[in-house]
Amino acid sequence: MLKNLFAGIQLAITQPIRIDDALLVEGEWGRVEEITSTYVVLQLWDWRRLILPLSYFIENPFQNWTRESSALIGTVMIYLDYSVPVDAVRGKIEEIAKASTLWDRRVVNVAVTDFRETVMEIRVLVSASNSNRTFDLRCEVREKLIDFIRREYPDALPRMRAVMSEPPAQDRRQAAE
């Protein structure tokens, strides 16, 4: 009880969380719905409630996505064949962002962030005014980008490549039986 009392005093003074803040706690994303003298209620993305003692926020790390502002930068990762023209992808992302009512006009960026044996990793950054809009914008960018690539550069989509060989004669006989 004393632990929660001291945690409550410390939270009141430092205010690391407030009502309606978007938090990532224990791998769960939710909004602070209620702060009482002993616990905090998070409404999770799927409407469940996660109830944590006040002391949790003093003793454990957590992410507050809206501490100073609710605006966020969303990340979309896509893995494409080296044959895709990155400038065309960059142009399409800028077009998608500009056409979206979700984009806050602050950040849009495309960068090749890694090379793998068969694909390159492209990171897309887009910003929106709050976490809900950022999530929806990320989904919109993914859907429209994959549609663009599928239509304009279908060979740039990753594929599993394998060399098939004829099975030994004994295996062919067994399969025929």
Protein backbone atom coordinates (compact mmCIF):
# COMPACT_ATOMS: atom_id res chain seq x y z
CA MET A 1 0.00 0.00 0.00
CA LEU A 2 2.86 2.37 0.85
CA LYS A 3 4.54 1.48 -2.41
CA ASN A 4 1.47 2.60 -4.37
CA LEU A 5 1.13 5.73 -2.26
CA PHE A 6 4.71 6.80 -3.01
CA ALA A 7 4.26 5.81 -6.66
CA GLY A 8 1.09 7.91 -6.82
CA ILE A 9 2.89 10.95 -5.39
CA GLN A 10 5.80 10.49 -7.80
CA LEU A 11 3.46 10.07 -10.79
CA ALA A 12 1.49 13.18 -9.78
CA ILE A 13 4.66 15.25 -9.62
CA THR A 14 6.47 13.93 -12.72
CA GLN A 15 3.39 13.12 -14.84
CA PRO A 16 4.93 10.49 -17.12
CA ILE A 17 1.38 9.45 -18.02
CA ARG A 18 -1.89 11.33 -18.38
CA ILE A 19 -5.45 10.46 -19.33
CA ASP A 20 -5.68 9.61 -23.06
CA ASP A 21 -1.91 9.05 -23.51
CA ALA A 22 -1.08 6.23 -25.92
CA LEU A 23 1.19 3.70 -24.18
CA LEU A 24 3.02 0.53 -25.11
CA VAL A 25 3.12 -1.60 -21.96
CA GLU A 26 3.99 -5.30 -21.69
CA GLY A 27 3.83 -5.57 -25.49
CA GLU A 28 0.28 -4.17 -25.52
CA TRP A 29 -0.79 -0.87 -27.09
CA GLY A 30 -3.53 1.13 -25.40
CA ARG A 31 -4.78 4.48 -24.17
CA VAL A 32 -4.83 5.59 -20.55
CA GLU A 33 -8.50 5.53 -19.67
CA GLU A 34 -8.38 6.05 -15.92
CA ILE A 35 -5.82 6.87 -13.22
CA THR A 36 -6.87 6.15 -9.64
CA SER A 37 -4.98 6.38 -6.36
CA THR A 38 -3.85 2.75 -6.71
CA TYR A 39 -4.01 1.67 -10.36
CA VAL A 40 -4.09 2.74 -14.02
CA VAL A 41 -6.56 1.39 -16.57
CA LEU A 42 -5.41 1.08 -20.19
CA GLN A 43 -8.00 0.47 -22.87
CA LEU A 44 -6.18 -1.76 -25.34
CA TRP A 45 -6.54 -1.53 -29.11
CA ASP A 46 -9.04 -4.42 -29.11
CA TRP A 47 -11.09 -2.82 -26.26
CA ARG A 48 -9.76 -5.09 -23.51
CA ARG A 49 -8.66 -3.37 -20.30
CA LEU A 50 -5.19 -3.76 -18.82
CA ILE A 51 -5.12 -2.75 -15.17
CA LEU A 52 -1.72 -2.00 -13.66
CA PRO A 53 -0.74 -0.80 -10.18
CA LEU A 54 0.67 2.72 -10.03
CA SER A 55 4.01 1.30 -8.90
CA TYR A 56 4.34 -0.46 -12.27
CA PHE A 57 5.03 2.87 -13.97
CA ILE A 58 7.82 3.70 -11.52
CA GLU A 59 9.50 0.29 -11.57
CA ASN A 60 9.20 -0.77 -15.24
CA PRO A 61 10.00 0.80 -18.58
CA PHE A 62 7.11 1.64 -20.90
CA GLN A 63 6.64 3.69 -24.05
CA ASN A 64 4.51 6.83 -23.99
CA TRP A 65 3.79 7.65 -27.63
CA THR A 66 2.01 10.91 -26.82
CA ARG A 67 3.99 12.45 -23.96
CA GLU A 68 4.60 15.83 -25.63
CA SER A 69 2.46 15.53 -28.74
CA SER A 70 0.17 12.98 -30.28
CA ALA A 71 1.82 13.21 -33.73
CA LEU A 72 3.79 10.13 -34.75
CA ILE A 73 5.96 8.90 -37.57
CA GLY A 74 4.86 5.56 -38.97
CA THR A 75 7.20 3.03 -40.54
CA VAL A 76 6.43 0.72 -43.44
CA MET A 77 9.06 -1.85 -44.39
CA ILE A 78 8.98 -3.56 -47.77
CA TYR A 79 11.39 -6.06 -49.29
CA LEU A 80 11.84 -5.85 -53.04
CA ASP A 81 14.08 -7.27 -55.74
CA TYR A 82 17.08 -5.16 -56.73
CA SER A 83 15.47 -4.52 -60.12
CA VAL A 84 12.86 -2.09 -58.75
CA PRO A 85 13.67 1.56 -59.48
CA VAL A 86 13.86 3.20 -56.04
CA ASP A 87 13.13 6.65 -57.49
CA ALA A 88 9.83 5.35 -58.89
CA VAL A 89 8.93 3.91 -55.47
CA ARG A 90 9.89 7.21 -53.81
CA GLY A 91 7.71 9.16 -56.25
CA LYS A 92 4.75 6.85 -55.69
CA ILE A 93 5.06 7.12 -51.89
CA GLU A 94 5.07 10.92 -52.13
CA GLU A 95 1.99 10.75 -54.37
CA ILE A 96 0.21 8.39 -51.93
CA ALA A 97 1.03 10.62 -48.95
CA LYS A 98 -0.07 13.83 -50.67
CA ALA A 99 -3.39 12.26 -51.70
CA SER A 100 -4.14 10.93 -48.22
CA THR A 101 -6.32 12.85 -45.78
CA LEU A 102 -4.46 11.05 -42.97
CA TRP A 103 -1.02 12.54 -43.72
CA ASP A 104 -0.14 15.64 -41.66
CA ARG A 105 2.24 17.03 -44.31
CA ARG A 106 5.29 16.82 -42.04
CA VAL A 107 7.29 13.67 -42.87
CA VAL A 108 7.49 11.47 -45.94
CA ASN A 109 10.74 9.64 -46.61
CA VAL A 110 11.91 6.58 -48.54
CA ALA A 111 15.32 4.98 -47.97
CA VAL A 112 17.03 1.70 -48.81
CA THR A 113 18.09 0.59 -45.34
CA ASP A 114 19.57 -2.85 -45.95
CA PHE A 115 20.59 -5.42 -48.54
CA ARG A 116 19.81 -9.11 -48.22
CA GLU A 117 20.91 -11.96 -50.45
CA THR A 118 17.81 -11.78 -52.63
CA VAL A 119 16.10 -8.48 -51.77
CA MET A 120 16.70 -4.96 -50.60
CA GLU A 121 14.92 -3.50 -47.59
CA ILE A 122 13.11 -0.23 -48.21
CA ARG A 123 11.89 1.83 -45.26
CA VAL A 124 9.04 4.28 -45.75
CA LEU A 125 8.34 6.94 -43.13
CA VAL A 126 5.09 8.91 -43.01
CA SER A 127 3.67 11.09 -40.25
CA ALA A 128 0.16 11.69 -38.96
CA SER A 129 -1.45 13.73 -36.21
CA ASN A 130 -2.09 10.83 -33.81
CA SER A 131 -1.45 7.13 -33.32
CA ASN A 132 -4.77 5.98 -34.80
CA ARG A 133 -4.28 8.03 -37.95
CA THR A 134 -0.65 6.88 -38.18
CA PHE A 135 -1.71 3.23 -38.05
CA ASP A 136 -4.35 3.79 -40.74
CA LEU A 137 -1.90 5.75 -42.90
CA ARG A 138 0.66 2.93 -42.67
CA CYS A 139 -2.00 0.47 -43.84
CA GLU A 140 -3.03 2.77 -46.70
CA VAL A 141 0.59 3.20 -47.81
CA ARG A 142 1.20 -0.58 -47.72
CA GLU A 143 -1.94 -1.37 -49.72
CA LYS A 144 -1.36 1.27 -52.39
CA LEU A 145 2.37 0.60 -52.65
CA ILE A 146 1.95 -3.14 -53.12
CA ASP A 147 -0.77 -2.50 -55.73
CA PHE A 148 1.58 -0.11 -57.58
CA ILE A 149 4.49 -2.56 -57.51
CA ARG A 150 2.29 -5.49 -58.53
CA ARG A 151 0.97 -3.52 -61.52
CA GLU A 152 4.11 -1.63 -62.62
CA TYR A 153 7.02 -3.81 -61.49
CA PRO A 154 5.70 -7.34 -60.84
CA ASP A 155 9.17 -8.87 -61.22
CA ALA A 156 10.38 -6.77 -58.28
CA LEU A 157 8.23 -8.68 -55.80
CA PRO A 158 10.25 -11.22 -53.81
CA ARG A 159 9.99 -14.80 -55.00
CA MET A 160 11.29 -18.08 -53.78
CA ARG A 161 13.55 -19.51 -56.44
CA ALA A 162 14.29 -23.20 -56.46
CA VAL A 163 15.77 -25.66 -58.91
CA MET A 164 13.59 -28.73 -59.25
CA SER A 165 15.26 -31.97 -60.22
CA GLU A 166 13.77 -35.25 -61.34
CA PRO A 167 13.30 -37.66 -58.39
CA PRO A 168 15.29 -40.91 -58.52
CA ALA A 169 13.66 -43.73 -60.51
CA GLN A 170 12.78 -45.69 -57.35
CA ASP A 171 10.82 -42.69 -55.95
CA ARG A 172 8.93 -42.31 -59.26
CA ARG A 173 7.88 -46.00 -59.16
CA GLN A 174 6.64 -45.66 -55.57
CA ALA A 175 4.68 -42.51 -56.39
CA ALA A 176 3.01 -44.24 -59.36
CA GLU A 177 1.82 -47.15 -57.18
